[in-house]
Amino acid sequence: MKYIIHGATGAQGAPLFNKLIAEGKPAIAAVRDPASLEEAPAVAIDLSSVDSLVAAYTGAEGVFVHLPLGPESVRKQFAHNIAKAVAVAKPARVVVSTSGWPLEVPGDESALPMLVGELEKTGVSLAVIAPQLYLENLLLPVVIEPVKTEHQLPYPLGGNYPVSWCSHLDIADVAAALLTEHAVTGIVGVGQLPAITGNDLAAAFARHFGHAVVFHSLTPEEFGERITPLFGSAAAEVVAVYKAKAFTANSAIEQQNSAQTLLGIKPRTVEKWLSDMGV
């Protein structure tokens, strides 16, 4: 028995991989270079090679997948290869994270819905983790430093815009449960309920740091200018996400398909997350 974890050295995969290892479960890091993990159990994969994926997935009890960032044409090829490998290897379970990207957009032919659609056709048990926004976004230097030095929390949302925030640690908790809880299939929303606003975030940061913190609403363009030195050309994709959110009433998950309802797993509060992250 083995659990194959894509991105086991990255933001989403690492917390899950570490959690499974700590629990004594046979987690295998699916990475391009196993030697980079020293003594950790790992298997070499290449998302451009169906054969490498089939070899990794064969005999697996579960596979955790999320698509890496990159050109959409490349992401589509990766999605097709992953689904084809699943169809051949037939692991017992596949858990996909949307990484916060929307699954259903009218006329959308992007990689994520293609991946889910093709996986559904394989007949393999499938669950899709659907977060909204990650609390780790708030640890970007352009966000967390003003909290500490200027007592302001700058972010490209309105102060009263509700979001079901979650952390990568929450994703790990849910993914670990879904890899073994095959009865839960389909979309599983991960995030806080009720959803919290930017002003609520600032209040939680204030309680944690012990000083006043005021939420400062940025335009997506302003935020893009601040993160471009960190993200490069990928900053444009981030700006587009927040421009789209400006036309919505909220970024809240639904109670009926939430991890709280389906699995009994509650996400960390903002203050608990800050503490767990050692901020």
C-alpha atoms as a PDB file:
ATOM      1  CA  MET A   1       0.000   0.000   0.000  1.00  0.00           C
ATOM      2  CA  LYS A   2       1.241   3.499  -0.784  1.00  0.00           C
ATOM      3  CA  TYR A   3      -0.005   7.072  -1.074  1.00  0.00           C
ATOM      4  CA  ILE A   4       1.498   9.076  -3.933  1.00  0.00           C
ATOM      5  CA  ILE A   5       1.770  12.787  -3.123  1.00  0.00           C
ATOM      6  CA  HIS A   6       2.354  15.220  -5.980  1.00  0.00           C
ATOM      7  CA  GLY A   7       4.195  18.410  -5.045  1.00  0.00           C
ATOM      8  CA  ALA A   8       5.507  16.868  -1.825  1.00  0.00           C
ATOM      9  CA  THR A   9       8.166  19.574  -1.581  1.00  0.00           C
ATOM     10  CA  GLY A  10       5.710  22.414  -2.281  1.00  0.00           C
ATOM     11  CA  ALA A  11       3.208  24.521  -0.366  1.00  0.00           C
ATOM     12  CA  GLN A  12       0.277  22.104  -0.665  1.00  0.00           C
ATOM     13  CA  GLY A  13       1.951  18.729  -0.922  1.00  0.00           C
ATOM     14  CA  ALA A  14       4.580  19.125   1.800  1.00  0.00           C
ATOM     15  CA  PRO A  15       2.165  19.549   4.743  1.00  0.00           C
ATOM     16  CA  LEU A  16       0.197  16.495   3.572  1.00  0.00           C
ATOM     17  CA  PHE A  17       3.318  14.398   2.977  1.00  0.00           C
ATOM     18  CA  ASN A  18       4.719  15.335   6.394  1.00  0.00           C
ATOM     19  CA  LYS A  19       1.389  14.633   8.102  1.00  0.00           C
ATOM     20  CA  LEU A  20       1.080  11.172   6.566  1.00  0.00           C
ATOM     21  CA  ILE A  21       4.691  10.301   7.426  1.00  0.00           C
ATOM     22  CA  ALA A  22       4.168  11.489  11.015  1.00  0.00           C
ATOM     23  CA  GLU A  23       1.097   9.246  11.244  1.00  0.00           C
ATOM     24  CA  GLY A  24       3.094   6.253  10.047  1.00  0.00           C
ATOM     25  CA  LYS A  25       1.330   6.011   6.694  1.00  0.00           C
ATOM     26  CA  PRO A  26       3.249   4.904   3.577  1.00  0.00           C
ATOM     27  CA  ALA A  27       3.461   8.256   1.807  1.00  0.00           C
ATOM     28  CA  ILE A  28       5.649   8.518  -1.297  1.00  0.00           C
ATOM     29  CA  ALA A  29       6.786  11.890  -2.599  1.00  0.00           C
ATOM     30  CA  ALA A  30       6.210  12.174  -6.343  1.00  0.00           C
ATOM     31  CA  VAL A  31       8.982  14.509  -7.487  1.00  0.00           C
ATOM     32  CA  ARG A  32      11.249  15.027 -10.489  1.00  0.00           C
ATOM     33  CA  ASP A  33      14.410  14.334  -8.470  1.00  0.00           C
ATOM     34  CA  PRO A  34      14.041  11.908  -5.533  1.00  0.00           C
ATOM     35  CA  ALA A  35      17.631  12.623  -4.494  1.00  0.00           C
ATOM     36  CA  SER A  36      16.524  16.129  -3.475  1.00  0.00           C
ATOM     37  CA  LEU A  37      14.585  14.621  -0.567  1.00  0.00           C
ATOM     38  CA  GLU A  38      17.595  12.803   0.886  1.00  0.00           C
ATOM     39  CA  GLU A  39      16.193   9.825   2.846  1.00  0.00           C
ATOM     40  CA  ALA A  40      12.476  10.528   2.442  1.00  0.00           C
ATOM     41  CA  PRO A  41      10.519   7.906   0.450  1.00  0.00           C
ATOM     42  CA  ALA A  42      10.145   9.218  -3.086  1.00  0.00           C
ATOM     43  CA  VAL A  43       9.495   8.211  -6.674  1.00  0.00           C
ATOM     44  CA  ALA A  44      10.639  10.006  -9.820  1.00  0.00           C
ATOM     45  CA  ILE A  45       7.829  11.358 -11.991  1.00  0.00           C
ATOM     46  CA  ASP A  46       7.642  13.517 -15.075  1.00  0.00           C
ATOM     47  CA  LEU A  47       4.250  15.078 -15.779  1.00  0.00           C
ATOM     48  CA  SER A  48       5.086  15.038 -19.469  1.00  0.00           C
ATOM     49  CA  SER A  49       5.538  11.232 -19.348  1.00  0.00           C
ATOM     50  CA  VAL A  50       2.470   9.023 -18.963  1.00  0.00           C
ATOM     51  CA  ASP A  51       4.708   5.984 -18.422  1.00  0.00           C
ATOM     52  CA  SER A  52       6.388   7.570 -15.377  1.00  0.00           C
ATOM     53  CA  LEU A  53       3.010   8.399 -13.889  1.00  0.00           C
ATOM     54  CA  VAL A  54       1.643   4.909 -14.514  1.00  0.00           C
ATOM     55  CA  ALA A  55       4.686   3.413 -12.784  1.00  0.00           C
ATOM     56  CA  ALA A  56       4.147   5.692  -9.761  1.00  0.00           C
ATOM     57  CA  TYR A  57       0.373   5.154  -9.530  1.00  0.00           C
ATOM     58  CA  THR A  58       0.329   1.364  -9.985  1.00  0.00           C
ATOM     59  CA  GLY A  59      -0.583  -0.326  -6.718  1.00  0.00           C
ATOM     60  CA  ALA A  60      -1.353   2.983  -4.979  1.00  0.00           C
ATOM     61  CA  GLU A  61      -4.066   3.194  -2.359  1.00  0.00           C
ATOM     62  CA  GLY A  62      -4.360   6.906  -3.045  1.00  0.00           C
ATOM     63  CA  VAL A  63      -2.936   9.721  -5.180  1.00  0.00           C
ATOM     64  CA  PHE A  64      -2.982  13.425  -4.278  1.00  0.00           C
ATOM     65  CA  VAL A  65      -2.779  15.740  -7.289  1.00  0.00           C
ATOM     66  CA  HIS A  66      -2.757  19.445  -8.022  1.00  0.00           C
ATOM     67  CA  LEU A  67      -1.700  21.106 -11.242  1.00  0.00           C
ATOM     68  CA  PRO A  68       1.428  23.274 -11.170  1.00  0.00           C
ATOM     69  CA  LEU A  69       1.392  26.843 -12.431  1.00  0.00           C
ATOM     70  CA  GLY A  70       2.502  27.436 -15.971  1.00  0.00           C
ATOM     71  CA  PRO A  71       1.253  28.015 -19.521  1.00  0.00           C
ATOM     72  CA  GLU A  72      -2.271  26.673 -19.912  1.00  0.00           C
ATOM     73  CA  SER A  73      -1.298  24.561 -22.901  1.00  0.00           C
ATOM     74  CA  VAL A  74       1.279  22.773 -20.768  1.00  0.00           C
ATOM     75  CA  ARG A  75      -1.127  22.404 -17.847  1.00  0.00           C
ATOM     76  CA  LYS A  76      -3.674  20.812 -20.198  1.00  0.00           C
ATOM     77  CA  GLN A  77      -1.121  18.271 -21.359  1.00  0.00           C
ATOM     78  CA  PHE A  78      -0.208  17.493 -17.756  1.00  0.00           C
ATOM     79  CA  ALA A  79      -3.910  17.090 -16.894  1.00  0.00           C
ATOM     80  CA  HIS A  80      -4.439  14.701 -19.798  1.00  0.00           C
ATOM     81  CA  ASN A  81      -1.353  12.676 -18.859  1.00  0.00           C
ATOM     82  CA  ILE A  82      -2.403  12.376 -15.220  1.00  0.00           C
ATOM     83  CA  ALA A  83      -5.896  11.217 -16.154  1.00  0.00           C
ATOM     84  CA  LYS A  84      -4.554   8.746 -18.724  1.00  0.00           C
ATOM     85  CA  ALA A  85      -2.157   7.301 -16.162  1.00  0.00           C
ATOM     86  CA  VAL A  86      -4.964   6.949 -13.619  1.00  0.00           C
ATOM     87  CA  ALA A  87      -7.085   5.141 -16.225  1.00  0.00           C
ATOM     88  CA  VAL A  88      -4.260   2.656 -16.813  1.00  0.00           C
ATOM     89  CA  ALA A  89      -2.882   2.222 -13.267  1.00  0.00           C
ATOM     90  CA  LYS A  90      -6.258   2.299 -11.493  1.00  0.00           C
ATOM     91  CA  PRO A  91      -5.200   3.519  -8.033  1.00  0.00           C
ATOM     92  CA  ALA A  92      -7.887   2.969  -5.421  1.00  0.00           C
ATOM     93  CA  ARG A  93      -8.472   6.681  -4.853  1.00  0.00           C
ATOM     94  CA  VAL A  94      -7.573  10.075  -6.333  1.00  0.00           C
ATOM     95  CA  VAL A  95      -7.823  13.363  -4.449  1.00  0.00           C
ATOM     96  CA  VAL A  96      -7.432  16.575  -6.466  1.00  0.00           C
ATOM     97  CA  SER A  97      -6.953  20.071  -5.085  1.00  0.00           C
ATOM     98  CA  THR A  98      -8.243  22.933  -7.214  1.00  0.00           C
ATOM     99  CA  SER A  99      -5.665  25.208  -5.531  1.00  0.00           C
ATOM    100  CA  GLY A 100      -8.403  27.833  -5.288  1.00  0.00           C
ATOM    101  CA  TRP A 101      -9.081  28.058  -9.027  1.00  0.00           C
ATOM    102  CA  PRO A 102     -12.754  27.891 -10.066  1.00  0.00           C
ATOM    103  CA  LEU A 103     -14.023  24.597 -11.440  1.00  0.00           C
ATOM    104  CA  GLU A 104     -17.078  25.806 -13.285  1.00  0.00           C
ATOM    105  CA  VAL A 105     -16.758  28.843 -15.540  1.00  0.00           C
ATOM    106  CA  PRO A 106     -19.092  29.136 -18.538  1.00  0.00           C
ATOM    107  CA  GLY A 107     -17.186  28.358 -21.723  1.00  0.00           C
ATOM    108  CA  ASP A 108     -14.056  27.503 -19.740  1.00  0.00           C
ATOM    109  CA  GLU A 109     -11.747  24.973 -21.406  1.00  0.00           C
ATOM    110  CA  SER A 110      -8.878  25.326 -18.962  1.00  0.00           C
ATOM    111  CA  ALA A 111      -6.781  22.521 -17.530  1.00  0.00           C
ATOM    112  CA  LEU A 112      -8.453  22.124 -14.146  1.00  0.00           C
ATOM    113  CA  PRO A 113     -11.999  21.267 -15.291  1.00  0.00           C
ATOM    114  CA  MET A 114     -10.455  19.119 -18.019  1.00  0.00           C
ATOM    115  CA  LEU A 115      -8.486  17.170 -15.409  1.00  0.00           C
ATOM    116  CA  VAL A 116     -11.543  16.573 -13.219  1.00  0.00           C
ATOM    117  CA  GLY A 117     -13.720  15.659 -16.188  1.00  0.00           C
ATOM    118  CA  GLU A 118     -11.228  13.123 -17.522  1.00  0.00           C
ATOM    119  CA  LEU A 119     -10.649  11.636 -14.062  1.00  0.00           C
ATOM    120  CA  GLU A 120     -14.396  11.172 -13.609  1.00  0.00           C
ATOM    121  CA  LYS A 121     -14.426   9.051 -16.768  1.00  0.00           C
ATOM    122  CA  THR A 122     -11.830   6.632 -15.354  1.00  0.00           C
ATOM    123  CA  GLY A 123     -14.242   5.194 -12.805  1.00  0.00           C
ATOM    124  CA  VAL A 124     -11.677   5.633 -10.020  1.00  0.00           C
ATOM    125  CA  SER A 125     -12.999   6.962  -6.704  1.00  0.00           C
ATOM    126  CA  LEU A 126     -12.494  10.744  -6.845  1.00  0.00           C
ATOM    127  CA  ALA A 127     -12.742  13.644  -4.417  1.00  0.00           C
ATOM    128  CA  VAL A 128     -12.002  17.267  -5.309  1.00  0.00           C
ATOM    129  CA  ILE A 129     -10.813  19.667  -2.611  1.00  0.00           C
ATOM    130  CA  ALA A 130     -12.056  23.178  -3.376  1.00  0.00           C
ATOM    131  CA  PRO A 131     -10.502  25.947  -1.247  1.00  0.00           C
ATOM    132  CA  GLN A 132     -11.196  29.639  -1.873  1.00  0.00           C
ATOM    133  CA  LEU A 133      -8.213  31.681  -0.638  1.00  0.00           C
ATOM    134  CA  TYR A 134      -5.167  30.592   1.345  1.00  0.00           C
ATOM    135  CA  LEU A 135      -4.205  32.293   4.583  1.00  0.00           C
ATOM    136  CA  GLU A 136      -0.589  31.816   3.495  1.00  0.00           C
ATOM    137  CA  ASN A 137      -1.194  34.616   0.978  1.00  0.00           C
ATOM    138  CA  LEU A 138      -1.174  36.920   3.988  1.00  0.00           C
ATOM    139  CA  LEU A 139       2.427  35.961   4.747  1.00  0.00           C
ATOM    140  CA  LEU A 140       3.728  37.602   1.581  1.00  0.00           C
ATOM    141  CA  PRO A 141       6.220  40.269   2.659  1.00  0.00           C
ATOM    142  CA  VAL A 142       4.105  42.980   1.018  1.00  0.00           C
ATOM    143  CA  VAL A 143       1.222  41.975   3.306  1.00  0.00           C
ATOM    144  CA  ILE A 144       2.705  40.833   6.614  1.00  0.00           C
ATOM    145  CA  GLU A 145       5.376  43.536   6.942  1.00  0.00           C
ATOM    146  CA  PRO A 146       2.841  46.422   6.893  1.00  0.00           C
ATOM    147  CA  VAL A 147       0.886  44.531   9.565  1.00  0.00           C
ATOM    148  CA  LYS A 148       3.941  44.630  11.814  1.00  0.00           C
ATOM    149  CA  THR A 149       5.327  48.069  10.959  1.00  0.00           C
ATOM    150  CA  GLU A 150       2.353  50.145   9.851  1.00  0.00           C
ATOM    151  CA  HIS A 151      -0.433  48.283  11.678  1.00  0.00           C
ATOM    152  CA  GLN A 152      -2.263  47.863   8.373  1.00  0.00           C
ATOM    153  CA  LEU A 153      -3.332  44.693   6.558  1.00  0.00           C
ATOM    154  CA  PRO A 154      -3.245  45.498   2.818  1.00  0.00           C
ATOM    155  CA  TYR A 155      -5.128  43.131   0.501  1.00  0.00           C
ATOM    156  CA  PRO A 156      -7.058  43.380  -2.804  1.00  0.00           C
ATOM    157  CA  LEU A 157     -10.517  42.753  -1.353  1.00  0.00           C
ATOM    158  CA  GLY A 158     -13.155  44.957   0.217  1.00  0.00           C
ATOM    159  CA  GLY A 159     -13.110  45.195   3.981  1.00  0.00           C
ATOM    160  CA  ASN A 160     -16.575  43.634   4.205  1.00  0.00           C
ATOM    161  CA  TYR A 161     -16.054  40.956   1.523  1.00  0.00           C
ATOM    162  CA  PRO A 162     -16.621  37.495   3.103  1.00  0.00           C
ATOM    163  CA  VAL A 163     -14.126  34.711   2.366  1.00  0.00           C
ATOM    164  CA  SER A 164     -13.920  31.105   3.560  1.00  0.00           C
ATOM    165  CA  TRP A 165     -10.200  31.345   4.238  1.00  0.00           C
ATOM    166  CA  CYS A 166      -8.192  28.178   4.840  1.00  0.00           C
ATOM    167  CA  SER A 167      -4.548  27.246   5.237  1.00  0.00           C
ATOM    168  CA  HIS A 168      -2.312  24.658   3.604  1.00  0.00           C
ATOM    169  CA  LEU A 169      -2.398  22.896   6.965  1.00  0.00           C
ATOM    170  CA  ASP A 170      -6.186  22.614   6.645  1.00  0.00           C
ATOM    171  CA  ILE A 171      -5.805  21.202   3.128  1.00  0.00           C
ATOM    172  CA  ALA A 172      -3.455  18.562   4.524  1.00  0.00           C
ATOM    173  CA  ASP A 173      -5.986  17.570   7.192  1.00  0.00           C
ATOM    174  CA  VAL A 174      -8.777  17.215   4.642  1.00  0.00           C
ATOM    175  CA  ALA A 175      -6.664  15.480   2.003  1.00  0.00           C
ATOM    176  CA  ALA A 176      -5.365  12.953   4.537  1.00  0.00           C
ATOM    177  CA  ALA A 177      -8.928  12.101   5.520  1.00  0.00           C
ATOM    178  CA  LEU A 178     -10.145  11.882   1.914  1.00  0.00           C
ATOM    179  CA  LEU A 179      -7.320   9.545   0.893  1.00  0.00           C
ATOM    180  CA  THR A 180      -8.757   6.967   3.287  1.00  0.00           C
ATOM    181  CA  GLU A 181     -12.452   7.961   3.449  1.00  0.00           C
ATOM    182  CA  HIS A 182     -13.606   6.696   0.053  1.00  0.00           C
ATOM    183  CA  ALA A 183     -17.289   7.161   0.863  1.00  0.00           C
ATOM    184  CA  VAL A 184     -16.925  10.922   0.369  1.00  0.00           C
ATOM    185  CA  THR A 185     -16.710  11.798  -3.322  1.00  0.00           C
ATOM    186  CA  GLY A 186     -17.201  14.874  -5.479  1.00  0.00           C
ATOM    187  CA  ILE A 187     -16.417  18.428  -4.404  1.00  0.00           C
ATOM    188  CA  VAL A 188     -15.402  19.118  -0.807  1.00  0.00           C
ATOM    189  CA  GLY A 189     -15.219  22.788   0.157  1.00  0.00           C
ATOM    190  CA  VAL A 190     -12.475  23.759   2.607  1.00  0.00           C
ATOM    191  CA  GLY A 191     -12.595  27.005   4.535  1.00  0.00           C
ATOM    192  CA  GLN A 192     -14.106  28.909   7.406  1.00  0.00           C
ATOM    193  CA  LEU A 193     -17.856  28.991   7.963  1.00  0.00           C
ATOM    194  CA  PRO A 194     -19.281  31.463   8.363  1.00  0.00           C
ATOM    195  CA  ALA A 195     -16.950  33.242   5.955  1.00  0.00           C
ATOM    196  CA  ILE A 196     -14.955  36.100   7.455  1.00  0.00           C
ATOM    197  CA  THR A 197     -14.225  39.575   6.121  1.00  0.00           C
ATOM    198  CA  GLY A 198     -11.048  41.590   5.726  1.00  0.00           C
ATOM    199  CA  ASN A 199     -12.015  43.546   8.810  1.00  0.00           C
ATOM    200  CA  ASP A 200     -12.365  40.262  10.716  1.00  0.00           C
ATOM    201  CA  LEU A 201      -8.898  39.257   9.529  1.00  0.00           C
ATOM    202  CA  ALA A 202      -7.433  42.526  10.782  1.00  0.00           C
ATOM    203  CA  ALA A 203      -9.094  42.023  14.166  1.00  0.00           C
ATOM    204  CA  ALA A 204      -7.610  38.512  14.441  1.00  0.00           C
ATOM    205  CA  PHE A 205      -4.148  39.810  13.531  1.00  0.00           C
ATOM    206  CA  ALA A 206      -4.553  42.551  16.135  1.00  0.00           C
ATOM    207  CA  ARG A 207      -5.358  40.014  18.846  1.00  0.00           C
ATOM    208  CA  HIS A 208      -2.391  37.867  17.837  1.00  0.00           C
ATOM    209  CA  PHE A 209       0.169  40.682  17.649  1.00  0.00           C
ATOM    210  CA  GLY A 210      -1.217  42.674  20.544  1.00  0.00           C
ATOM    211  CA  HIS A 211      -1.580  45.954  18.681  1.00  0.00           C
ATOM    212  CA  ALA A 212      -4.193  47.606  16.497  1.00  0.00           C
ATOM    213  CA  VAL A 213      -4.425  46.420  12.885  1.00  0.00           C
ATOM    214  CA  VAL A 214      -6.651  48.062  10.272  1.00  0.00           C
ATOM    215  CA  PHE A 215      -7.649  46.386   7.024  1.00  0.00           C
ATOM    216  CA  HIS A 216      -6.502  48.394   4.002  1.00  0.00           C
ATOM    217  CA  SER A 217      -8.331  47.566   0.773  1.00  0.00           C
ATOM    218  CA  LEU A 218      -6.128  47.637  -2.331  1.00  0.00           C
ATOM    219  CA  THR A 219      -7.224  47.536  -5.943  1.00  0.00           C
ATOM    220  CA  PRO A 220      -6.074  44.405  -7.808  1.00  0.00           C
ATOM    221  CA  GLU A 221      -3.765  46.624  -9.868  1.00  0.00           C
ATOM    222  CA  GLU A 222      -2.156  48.115  -6.762  1.00  0.00           C
ATOM    223  CA  PHE A 223      -1.603  44.643  -5.352  1.00  0.00           C
ATOM    224  CA  GLY A 224      -0.176  43.523  -8.672  1.00  0.00           C
ATOM    225  CA  GLU A 225       2.408  46.307  -8.584  1.00  0.00           C
ATOM    226  CA  ARG A 226       3.477  45.207  -5.105  1.00  0.00           C
ATOM    227  CA  ILE A 227       3.852  41.518  -5.921  1.00  0.00           C
ATOM    228  CA  THR A 228       5.431  41.818  -9.391  1.00  0.00           C
ATOM    229  CA  PRO A 229       8.980  41.823  -7.950  1.00  0.00           C
ATOM    230  CA  LEU A 230       8.117  38.490  -6.282  1.00  0.00           C
ATOM    231  CA  PHE A 231       5.928  36.856  -8.932  1.00  0.00           C
ATOM    232  CA  GLY A 232       7.230  38.322 -12.172  1.00  0.00           C
ATOM    233  CA  SER A 233       4.867  37.817 -15.112  1.00  0.00           C
ATOM    234  CA  ALA A 234       2.683  35.492 -13.011  1.00  0.00           C
ATOM    235  CA  ALA A 235       1.479  38.568 -11.099  1.00  0.00           C
ATOM    236  CA  ALA A 236      -0.896  39.269 -13.997  1.00  0.00           C
ATOM    237  CA  GLU A 237      -2.728  35.992 -13.275  1.00  0.00           C
ATOM    238  CA  VAL A 238      -3.115  36.986  -9.626  1.00  0.00           C
ATOM    239  CA  VAL A 239      -4.476  40.391 -10.609  1.00  0.00           C
ATOM    240  CA  ALA A 240      -7.016  38.714 -12.897  1.00  0.00           C
ATOM    241  CA  VAL A 241      -8.242  36.515 -10.032  1.00  0.00           C
ATOM    242  CA  TYR A 242      -8.946  39.485  -7.780  1.00  0.00           C
ATOM    243  CA  LYS A 243     -10.531  41.482 -10.584  1.00  0.00           C
ATOM    244  CA  ALA A 244     -12.964  38.603 -11.042  1.00  0.00           C
ATOM    245  CA  LYS A 245     -13.706  38.478  -7.316  1.00  0.00           C
ATOM    246  CA  ALA A 246     -14.647  42.143  -7.426  1.00  0.00           C
ATOM    247  CA  PHE A 247     -17.747  41.123  -9.401  1.00  0.00           C
ATOM    248  CA  THR A 248     -18.861  38.541  -6.814  1.00  0.00           C
ATOM    249  CA  ALA A 249     -20.695  38.929  -3.523  1.00  0.00           C
ATOM    250  CA  ASN A 250     -18.378  36.599  -1.598  1.00  0.00           C
ATOM    251  CA  SER A 251     -15.854  33.765  -1.774  1.00  0.00           C
ATOM    252  CA  ALA A 252     -17.621  31.441   0.615  1.00  0.00           C
ATOM    253  CA  ILE A 253     -17.911  27.665   0.449  1.00  0.00           C
ATOM    254  CA  GLU A 254     -21.296  25.983   0.796  1.00  0.00           C
ATOM    255  CA  GLN A 255     -22.239  24.315   4.053  1.00  0.00           C
ATOM    256  CA  GLN A 256     -23.653  21.157   2.464  1.00  0.00           C
ATOM    257  CA  ASN A 257     -20.437  20.119   0.715  1.00  0.00           C
ATOM    258  CA  SER A 258     -18.004  21.541   3.258  1.00  0.00           C
ATOM    259  CA  ALA A 259     -15.357  19.493   5.053  1.00  0.00           C
ATOM    260  CA  GLN A 260     -17.173  20.445   8.246  1.00  0.00           C
ATOM    261  CA  THR A 261     -20.340  18.670   7.094  1.00  0.00           C
ATOM    262  CA  LEU A 262     -18.852  15.785   5.097  1.00  0.00           C
ATOM    263  CA  LEU A 263     -15.853  14.936   7.275  1.00  0.00           C
ATOM    264  CA  GLY A 264     -16.378  16.735  10.575  1.00  0.00           C
ATOM    265  CA  ILE A 265     -13.131  18.668  10.028  1.00  0.00           C
ATOM    266  CA  LYS A 266     -13.069  22.345  10.982  1.00  0.00           C
ATOM    267  CA  PRO A 267     -10.371  24.679   9.620  1.00  0.00           C
ATOM    268  CA  ARG A 268      -8.083  26.543  11.974  1.00  0.00           C
ATOM    269  CA  THR A 269      -9.068  29.994  13.145  1.00  0.00           C
ATOM    270  CA  VAL A 270      -6.820  32.793  11.926  1.00  0.00           C
ATOM    271  CA  GLU A 271      -5.231  33.102  15.345  1.00  0.00           C
ATOM    272  CA  LYS A 272      -4.632  29.340  15.629  1.00  0.00           C
ATOM    273  CA  TRP A 273      -3.082  29.327  12.176  1.00  0.00           C
ATOM    274  CA  LEU A 274      -0.784  32.247  13.018  1.00  0.00           C
ATOM    275  CA  SER A 275       0.298  30.384  16.138  1.00  0.00           C
ATOM    276  CA  ASP A 276       0.832  27.085  14.299  1.00  0.00           C
ATOM    277  CA  MET A 277       2.915  28.874  11.679  1.00  0.00           C
ATOM    278  CA  GLY A 278       5.039  30.531  14.328  1.00  0.00           C
ATOM    279  CA  VAL A 279       4.308  34.026  13.001  1.00  0.00           C
END
